[in-house]
PDB file of N, CA and C in Angstrom:
ATOM      1  N   MET A   1     126.942 114.280 147.669  1.00  0.00           N
ATOM      2  CA  MET A   1     126.325 113.197 148.542  1.00  0.00           C
ATOM      3  C   MET A   1     127.091 111.774 148.364  1.00  0.00           C
ATOM      4  N   ASN A   2     127.071 110.945 149.339  1.00  0.00           N
ATOM      5  CA  ASN A   2     127.502 109.526 148.872  1.00  0.00           C
ATOM      6  C   ASN A   2     127.193 108.534 149.247  1.00  0.00           C
ATOM      7  N   LYS A   3     125.456 108.850 148.408  1.00  0.00           N
ATOM      8  CA  LYS A   3     124.614 108.201 147.809  1.00  0.00           C
ATOM      9  C   LYS A   3     124.428 108.273 146.186  1.00  0.00           C
ATOM     10  N   TYR A   4     123.732 107.252 145.843  1.00  0.00           N
ATOM     11  CA  TYR A   4     123.606 106.386 144.665  1.00  0.00           C
ATOM     12  C   TYR A   4     122.251 105.508 144.679  1.00  0.00           C
ATOM     13  N   TYR A   5     121.023 106.200 143.871  1.00  0.00           N
ATOM     14  CA  TYR A   5     120.190 105.584 143.157  1.00  0.00           C
ATOM     15  C   TYR A   5     120.328 104.978 142.223  1.00  0.00           C
ATOM     16  N   ILE A   6     120.406 103.561 141.682  1.00  0.00           N
ATOM     17  CA  ILE A   6     120.549 103.782 140.283  1.00  0.00           C
ATOM     18  C   ILE A   6     119.686 102.825 139.903  1.00  0.00           C
ATOM     19  N   GLY A   7     118.707 103.633 138.764  1.00  0.00           N
ATOM     20  CA  GLY A   7     117.245 103.316 138.481  1.00  0.00           C
ATOM     21  C   GLY A   7     116.903 103.197 136.712  1.00  0.00           C
ATOM     22  N   SER A   8     116.259 102.953 136.428  1.00  0.00           N
ATOM     23  CA  SER A   8     116.163 103.044 134.507  1.00  0.00           C
ATOM     24  C   SER A   8     114.700 103.551 134.586  1.00  0.00           C
ATOM     25  N   THR A   9     114.474 104.345 133.864  1.00  0.00           N
ATOM     26  CA  THR A   9     113.180 105.113 133.363  1.00  0.00           C
ATOM     27  C   THR A   9     112.768 105.765 131.978  1.00  0.00           C
ATOM     28  N   SER A  10     111.949 105.516 130.869  1.00  0.00           N
ATOM     29  CA  SER A  10     111.871 105.314 129.557  1.00  0.00           C
ATOM     30  C   SER A  10     111.132 107.109 129.779  1.00  0.00           C
ATOM     31  N   LEU A  11     111.333 107.671 130.785  1.00  0.00           N
ATOM     32  CA  LEU A  11     111.385 109.525 130.804  1.00  0.00           C
ATOM     33  C   LEU A  11     112.239 109.644 130.687  1.00  0.00           C
ATOM     34  N   LEU A  12     112.636 111.225 130.323  1.00  0.00           N
ATOM     35  CA  LEU A  12     113.952 112.501 130.259  1.00  0.00           C
ATOM     36  C   LEU A  12     114.566 111.933 132.045  1.00  0.00           C
ATOM     37  N   PRO A  13     115.677 111.670 132.384  1.00  0.00           N
ATOM     38  CA  PRO A  13     116.625 111.721 133.464  1.00  0.00           C
ATOM     39  C   PRO A  13     115.869 112.822 134.165  1.00  0.00           C
ATOM     40  N   GLU A  14     116.031 113.667 133.591  1.00  0.00           N
ATOM     41  CA  GLU A  14     115.420 115.076 134.787  1.00  0.00           C
ATOM     42  C   GLU A  14     113.949 114.757 134.839  1.00  0.00           C
ATOM     43  N   GLU A  15     113.336 114.463 134.081  1.00  0.00           N
ATOM     44  CA  GLU A  15     111.379 114.035 134.561  1.00  0.00           C
ATOM     45  C   GLU A  15     111.846 113.559 135.570  1.00  0.00           C
ATOM     46  N   ARG A  16     112.083 112.141 135.680  1.00  0.00           N
ATOM     47  CA  ARG A  16     112.169 110.981 136.596  1.00  0.00           C
ATOM     48  C   ARG A  16     113.218 111.567 137.598  1.00  0.00           C
ATOM     49  N   LEU A  17     114.302 112.179 137.703  1.00  0.00           N
ATOM     50  CA  LEU A  17     114.533 112.777 139.152  1.00  0.00           C
ATOM     51  C   LEU A  17     113.882 113.738 139.596  1.00  0.00           C
ATOM     52  N   GLU A  18     112.909 114.621 138.980  1.00  0.00           N
ATOM     53  CA  GLU A  18     111.989 115.891 139.465  1.00  0.00           C
ATOM     54  C   GLU A  18     110.918 114.951 140.420  1.00  0.00           C
ATOM     55  N   GLN A  19     110.581 113.828 139.576  1.00  0.00           N
ATOM     56  CA  GLN A  19     109.410 112.462 140.585  1.00  0.00           C
ATOM     57  C   GLN A  19     110.449 113.010 141.628  1.00  0.00           C
ATOM     58  N   HIS A  20     111.239 111.964 141.620  1.00  0.00           N
ATOM     59  CA  HIS A  20     112.230 111.704 143.216  1.00  0.00           C
ATOM     60  C   HIS A  20     111.895 112.435 144.206  1.00  0.00           C
ATOM     61  N   ILE A  21     112.415 114.211 143.077  1.00  0.00           N
ATOM     62  CA  ILE A  21     112.327 115.044 144.546  1.00  0.00           C
ATOM     63  C   ILE A  21     111.247 115.126 144.777  1.00  0.00           C
ATOM     64  N   ASN A  22     110.083 115.260 144.423  1.00  0.00           N
ATOM     65  CA  ASN A  22     108.510 115.761 144.368  1.00  0.00           C
ATOM     66  C   ASN A  22     108.021 114.304 145.280  1.00  0.00           C
ATOM     67  N   LYS A  23     108.906 113.760 144.754  1.00  0.00           N
ATOM     68  CA  LYS A  23     107.493 112.434 146.299  1.00  0.00           C
ATOM     69  C   LYS A  23     106.064 111.355 145.731  1.00  0.00           C
ATOM     70  N   LYS A  24     106.626 111.669 144.117  1.00  0.00           N
ATOM     71  CA  LYS A  24     105.540 110.957 143.767  1.00  0.00           C
ATOM     72  C   LYS A  24     105.941 109.983 143.625  1.00  0.00           C
ATOM     73  N   TYR A  25     106.363 108.863 143.719  1.00  0.00           N
ATOM     74  CA  TYR A  25     105.991 108.093 144.461  1.00  0.00           C
ATOM     75  C   TYR A  25     106.112 107.429 145.689  1.00  0.00           C
ATOM     76  N   GLY A  26     106.068 107.933 146.497  1.00  0.00           N
ATOM     77  CA  GLY A  26     105.726 107.661 148.120  1.00  0.00           C
ATOM     78  C   GLY A  26     106.774 108.170 148.637  1.00  0.00           C
ATOM     79  N   ASN A  27     106.735 107.745 149.827  1.00  0.00           N
ATOM     80  CA  ASN A  27     107.789 107.608 150.455  1.00  0.00           C
ATOM     81  C   ASN A  27     109.071 106.284 151.190  1.00  0.00           C
ATOM     82  N   ASN A  28     109.779 106.402 150.077  1.00  0.00           N
ATOM     83  CA  ASN A  28     110.610 104.942 150.397  1.00  0.00           C
ATOM     84  C   ASN A  28     111.094 105.220 150.545  1.00  0.00           C
ATOM     85  N   LYS A  29     112.253 104.797 151.840  1.00  0.00           N
ATOM     86  CA  LYS A  29     112.331 104.886 152.826  1.00  0.00           C
ATOM     87  C   LYS A  29     113.616 105.709 152.232  1.00  0.00           C
ATOM     88  N   PHE A  30     114.059 104.803 151.763  1.00  0.00           N
ATOM     89  CA  PHE A  30     116.201 105.373 150.805  1.00  0.00           C
ATOM     90  C   PHE A  30     115.338 106.692 149.864  1.00  0.00           C
ATOM     91  N   ILE A  31     114.530 106.862 148.907  1.00  0.00           N
ATOM     92  CA  ILE A  31     115.056 107.938 148.355  1.00  0.00           C
ATOM     93  C   ILE A  31     114.043 108.638 148.986  1.00  0.00           C
ATOM     94  N   ALA A  32     113.252 109.348 150.212  1.00  0.00           N
ATOM     95  CA  ALA A  32     112.331 110.075 150.471  1.00  0.00           C
ATOM     96  C   ALA A  32     113.113 110.419 151.637  1.00  0.00           C
ATOM     97  N   LYS A  33     114.804 109.613 152.251  1.00  0.00           N
ATOM     98  CA  LYS A  33     115.188 111.071 153.236  1.00  0.00           C
ATOM     99  C   LYS A  33     116.214 112.185 152.374  1.00  0.00           C
ATOM    100  N   VAL A  34     116.840 111.931 151.093  1.00  0.00           N
ATOM    101  CA  VAL A  34     117.671 113.050 150.826  1.00  0.00           C
ATOM    102  C   VAL A  34     116.600 114.392 149.053  1.00  0.00           C
ATOM    103  N   TYR A  35     116.520 114.812 149.653  1.00  0.00           N
ATOM    104  CA  TYR A  35     116.056 115.978 148.809  1.00  0.00           C
ATOM    105  C   TYR A  35     116.337 116.871 147.939  1.00  0.00           C
ATOM    106  N   ASP A  36     118.332 116.392 147.577  1.00  0.00           N
ATOM    107  CA  ASP A  36     118.927 116.801 147.046  1.00  0.00           C
ATOM    108  C   ASP A  36     119.696 116.294 145.610  1.00  0.00           C
ATOM    109  N   TRP A  37     119.035 115.174 145.762  1.00  0.00           N
ATOM    110  CA  TRP A  37     119.244 114.155 144.733  1.00  0.00           C
ATOM    111  C   TRP A  37     119.890 114.742 143.125  1.00  0.00           C
ATOM    112  N   GLU A  38     121.467 114.391 142.824  1.00  0.00           N
ATOM    113  CA  GLU A  38     121.401 114.898 141.364  1.00  0.00           C
ATOM    114  C   GLU A  38     121.496 114.147 140.559  1.00  0.00           C
ATOM    115  N   LEU A  39     121.698 114.183 139.104  1.00  0.00           N
ATOM    116  CA  LEU A  39     122.347 113.441 138.364  1.00  0.00           C
ATOM    117  C   LEU A  39     123.724 113.073 137.912  1.00  0.00           C
ATOM    118  N   TYR A  40     124.068 111.833 138.309  1.00  0.00           N
ATOM    119  CA  TYR A  40     125.442 111.521 138.345  1.00  0.00           C
ATOM    120  C   TYR A  40     126.259 111.210 136.898  1.00  0.00           C
ATOM    121  N   VAL A  41     125.949 109.812 135.651  1.00  0.00           N
ATOM    122  CA  VAL A  41     125.729 110.129 135.171  1.00  0.00           C
ATOM    123  C   VAL A  41     124.064 108.840 134.459  1.00  0.00           C
ATOM    124  N   VAL A  42     124.812 108.922 133.121  1.00  0.00           N
ATOM    125  CA  VAL A  42     123.084 108.679 132.310  1.00  0.00           C
ATOM    126  C   VAL A  42     123.865 107.939 131.436  1.00  0.00           C
ATOM    127  N   ILE A  43     123.349 107.344 131.113  1.00  0.00           N
ATOM    128  CA  ILE A  43     123.526 105.859 130.211  1.00  0.00           C
ATOM    129  C   ILE A  43     121.819 105.823 129.187  1.00  0.00           C
ATOM    130  N   GLU A  44     122.269 106.211 127.904  1.00  0.00           N
ATOM    131  CA  GLU A  44     121.371 106.000 127.239  1.00  0.00           C
ATOM    132  C   GLU A  44     121.318 104.584 126.830  1.00  0.00           C
ATOM    133  N   CYS A  45     120.562 103.585 126.483  1.00  0.00           N
ATOM    134  CA  CYS A  45     120.220 102.478 126.129  1.00  0.00           C
ATOM    135  C   CYS A  45     119.382 102.229 124.682  1.00  0.00           C
ATOM    136  N   GLU A  46     119.816 101.307 124.028  1.00  0.00           N
ATOM    137  CA  GLU A  46     118.929 101.353 123.174  1.00  0.00           C
ATOM    138  C   GLU A  46     117.439 100.452 123.252  1.00  0.00           C
ATOM    139  N   SER A  47     116.977  99.308 124.234  1.00  0.00           N
ATOM    140  CA  SER A  47     115.801  98.990 124.821  1.00  0.00           C
ATOM    141  C   SER A  47     116.009  99.568 126.434  1.00  0.00           C
ATOM    142  N   LYS A  48     114.736  98.442 126.502  1.00  0.00           N
ATOM    143  CA  LYS A  48     113.634  98.988 127.979  1.00  0.00           C
ATOM    144  C   LYS A  48     114.351  97.773 128.267  1.00  0.00           C
ATOM    145  N   LYS A  49     115.052  96.227 127.505  1.00  0.00           N
ATOM    146  CA  LYS A  49     115.076  95.401 128.360  1.00  0.00           C
ATOM    147  C   LYS A  49     116.985  95.514 128.761  1.00  0.00           C
ATOM    148  N   GLN A  50     117.605  96.161 127.397  1.00  0.00           N
ATOM    149  CA  GLN A  50     119.025  96.471 127.923  1.00  0.00           C
ATOM    150  C   GLN A  50     119.495  97.351 128.954  1.00  0.00           C
ATOM    151  N   SER A  51     118.860  98.127 129.052  1.00  0.00           N
ATOM    152  CA  SER A  51     118.471  99.458 130.651  1.00  0.00           C
ATOM    153  C   SER A  51     118.127  99.066 131.475  1.00  0.00           C
ATOM    154  N   ILE A  52     117.428  97.679 131.913  1.00  0.00           N
ATOM    155  CA  ILE A  52     116.899  97.131 133.243  1.00  0.00           C
ATOM    156  C   ILE A  52     118.407  96.028 133.003  1.00  0.00           C
ATOM    157  N   GLN A  53     118.956  95.533 132.170  1.00  0.00           N
ATOM    158  CA  GLN A  53     120.152  94.612 132.450  1.00  0.00           C
ATOM    159  C   GLN A  53     121.176  94.904 132.773  1.00  0.00           C
ATOM    160  N   ILE A  54     121.878  96.747 131.900  1.00  0.00           N
ATOM    161  CA  ILE A  54     122.113  97.972 132.894  1.00  0.00           C
ATOM    162  C   ILE A  54     122.138  97.845 134.086  1.00  0.00           C
ATOM    163  N   GLU A  55     121.227  98.735 134.538  1.00  0.00           N
ATOM    164  CA  GLU A  55     120.759  98.863 135.795  1.00  0.00           C
ATOM    165  C   GLU A  55     120.891  97.522 137.017  1.00  0.00           C
ATOM    166  N   LYS A  56     120.695  96.481 136.808  1.00  0.00           N
ATOM    167  CA  LYS A  56     120.973  95.528 137.436  1.00  0.00           C
ATOM    168  C   LYS A  56     122.773  95.301 137.314  1.00  0.00           C
ATOM    169  N   HIS A  57     123.657  94.847 136.187  1.00  0.00           N
ATOM    170  CA  HIS A  57     124.610  94.813 136.562  1.00  0.00           C
ATOM    171  C   HIS A  57     125.776  95.668 137.436  1.00  0.00           C
ATOM    172  N   ILE A  58     125.401  96.677 137.335  1.00  0.00           N
ATOM    173  CA  ILE A  58     125.804  97.935 138.611  1.00  0.00           C
ATOM    174  C   ILE A  58     125.321  97.616 139.515  1.00  0.00           C
ATOM    175  N   LYS A  59     124.182  97.260 139.752  1.00  0.00           N
ATOM    176  CA  LYS A  59     123.624  96.944 141.058  1.00  0.00           C
ATOM    177  C   LYS A  59     124.010  95.682 142.209  1.00  0.00           C
ATOM    178  N   ARG A  60     124.872  94.945 140.707  1.00  0.00           N
ATOM    179  CA  ARG A  60     125.333  93.929 141.368  1.00  0.00           C
ATOM    180  C   ARG A  60     126.730  93.809 142.134  1.00  0.00           C
ATOM    181  N   MET A  61     127.578  95.291 141.536  1.00  0.00           N
ATOM    182  CA  MET A  61     128.540  95.607 141.495  1.00  0.00           C
ATOM    183  C   MET A  61     129.011  96.201 143.013  1.00  0.00           C
ATOM    184  N   LYS A  62     127.392  96.522 143.123  1.00  0.00           N
ATOM    185  CA  LYS A  62     127.932  97.174 144.887  1.00  0.00           C
ATOM    186  C   LYS A  62     129.515  98.175 145.605  1.00  0.00           C
ATOM    187  N   SER A  63     129.226  99.214 144.041  1.00  0.00           N
ATOM    188  CA  SER A  63     130.395  99.685 144.247  1.00  0.00           C
ATOM    189  C   SER A  63     131.017 100.764 143.885  1.00  0.00           C
ATOM    190  N   ARG A  64     130.917 101.716 145.087  1.00  0.00           N
ATOM    191  CA  ARG A  64     131.077 103.012 144.721  1.00  0.00           C
ATOM    192  C   ARG A  64     132.002 103.854 143.806  1.00  0.00           C
ATOM    193  N   THR A  65     133.058 103.341 143.345  1.00  0.00           N
ATOM    194  CA  THR A  65     134.456 103.426 143.505  1.00  0.00           C
ATOM    195  C   THR A  65     133.872 102.729 141.233  1.00  0.00           C
ATOM    196  N   TYR A  66     132.728 101.534 141.334  1.00  0.00           N
ATOM    197  CA  TYR A  66     132.633 101.261 139.933  1.00  0.00           C
ATOM    198  C   TYR A  66     131.878 102.473 139.185  1.00  0.00           C
ATOM    199  N   ILE A  67     131.085 102.744 139.816  1.00  0.00           N
ATOM    200  CA  ILE A  67     130.334 103.758 139.667  1.00  0.00           C
ATOM    201  C   ILE A  67     131.030 105.250 139.431  1.00  0.00           C
ATOM    202  N   ALA A  68     131.914 105.752 140.399  1.00  0.00           N
ATOM    203  CA  ALA A  68     132.949 106.780 139.422  1.00  0.00           C
ATOM    204  C   ALA A  68     133.718 106.679 138.160  1.00  0.00           C
ATOM    205  N   ASN A  69     133.661 104.893 138.024  1.00  0.00           N
ATOM    206  CA  ASN A  69     134.899 104.821 136.814  1.00  0.00           C
ATOM    207  C   ASN A  69     133.918 105.014 135.946  1.00  0.00           C
ATOM    208  N   LEU A  70     132.307 104.791 135.775  1.00  0.00           N
ATOM    209  CA  LEU A  70     131.274 105.013 134.719  1.00  0.00           C
ATOM    210  C   LEU A  70     131.981 106.111 134.142  1.00  0.00           C
ATOM    211  N   VAL A  71     131.571 107.038 134.636  1.00  0.00           N
ATOM    212  CA  VAL A  71     132.395 108.745 134.550  1.00  0.00           C
ATOM    213  C   VAL A  71     133.604 108.679 134.135  1.00  0.00           C
ATOM    214  N   LYS A  72     134.363 108.473 134.924  1.00  0.00           N
ATOM    215  CA  LYS A  72     135.719 108.222 135.162  1.00  0.00           C
ATOM    216  C   LYS A  72     136.409 107.592 132.990  1.00  0.00           C
ATOM    217  N   TYR A  73     135.855 106.604 133.024  1.00  0.00           N
ATOM    218  CA  TYR A  73     136.404 105.460 132.038  1.00  0.00           C
ATOM    219  C   TYR A  73     134.710 105.592 131.065  1.00  0.00           C
ATOM    220  N   PRO A  74     134.714 106.236 130.068  1.00  0.00           N
ATOM    221  CA  PRO A  74     133.330 105.585 129.551  1.00  0.00           C
ATOM    222  C   PRO A  74     133.084 104.908 128.651  1.00  0.00           C
ATOM    223  N   GLU A  75     134.550 103.669 128.296  1.00  0.00           N
ATOM    224  CA  GLU A  75     134.318 102.548 127.490  1.00  0.00           C
ATOM    225  C   GLU A  75     133.763 101.918 128.400  1.00  0.00           C
ATOM    226  N   ILE A  76     133.608 101.676 129.863  1.00  0.00           N
ATOM    227  CA  ILE A  76     132.965 101.088 130.809  1.00  0.00           C
ATOM    228  C   ILE A  76     131.906 100.343 130.306  1.00  0.00           C
ATOM    229  N   ILE A  77     130.897 102.130 129.994  1.00  0.00           N
ATOM    230  CA  ILE A  77     129.849 101.942 129.957  1.00  0.00           C
ATOM    231  C   ILE A  77     129.044 101.179 127.921  1.00  0.00           C
ATOM    232  N   ASP A  78     130.120 101.413 127.076  1.00  0.00           N
ATOM    233  CA  ASP A  78     130.339 101.249 125.575  1.00  0.00           C
ATOM    234  C   ASP A  78     130.270  99.457 126.190  1.00  0.00           C
ATOM    235  N   LYS A  79     131.822  99.276 126.664  1.00  0.00           N
ATOM    236  CA  LYS A  79     131.516  97.474 126.987  1.00  0.00           C
ATOM    237  C   LYS A  79     130.262  97.016 127.639  1.00  0.00           C
ATOM    238  N   LEU A  80     129.100  97.516 128.220  1.00  0.00           N
ATOM    239  CA  LEU A  80     128.047  97.603 129.172  1.00  0.00           C
ATOM    240  C   LEU A  80     126.918  97.449 127.524  1.00  0.00           C
ATOM    241  N   LYS A  81     127.433  98.591 126.994  1.00  0.00           N
ATOM    242  CA  LYS A  81     126.247  98.267 125.974  1.00  0.00           C
ATOM    243  C   LYS A  81     125.772  97.064 125.115  1.00  0.00           C
ATOM    244  N   LEU A  82     127.668  97.274 124.745  1.00  0.00           N
ATOM    245  CA  LEU A  82     127.675  96.066 124.084  1.00  0.00           C
ATOM    246  C   LEU A  82     127.370  94.930 124.978  1.00  0.00           C
ATOM    247  N   LYS A  83     127.886  94.236 125.648  1.00  0.00           N
ATOM    248  CA  LYS A  83     127.237  93.046 126.432  1.00  0.00           C
ATOM    249  C   LYS A  83     126.138  92.624 126.820  1.00  0.00           C
ATOM    250  N   TYR A  84     124.913  93.645 127.028  1.00  0.00           N
ATOM    251  CA  TYR A  84     123.630  93.458 126.706  1.00  0.00           C
ATOM    252  C   TYR A  84     122.795  93.836 126.071  1.00  0.00           C
ATOM    253  N   LEU A  85     123.504  94.136 124.981  1.00  0.00           N
ATOM    254  CA  LEU A  85     122.798  94.189 123.719  1.00  0.00           C
ATOM    255  C   LEU A  85     121.403  93.532 122.989  1.00  0.00           C
TER     256      LEU A  85
END
């Protein structure tokens, strides 16, 4: 897949993924066209606020390389979690 969906949830990531696959949230143009979403990286956060801040940070980066580096270099995630504590 060459697209990434970035989001936060209070559900288990697998549950949220299943909801998107089953179109629980309607026919959002971006989400509805893809049926084979996979979890790429999951970042467990201390709070909803931290989760949303990290989500916004990643979206502002607008970079596939940055997202790939979150997996390749887990210390980036650690730094994000500290930054948005």
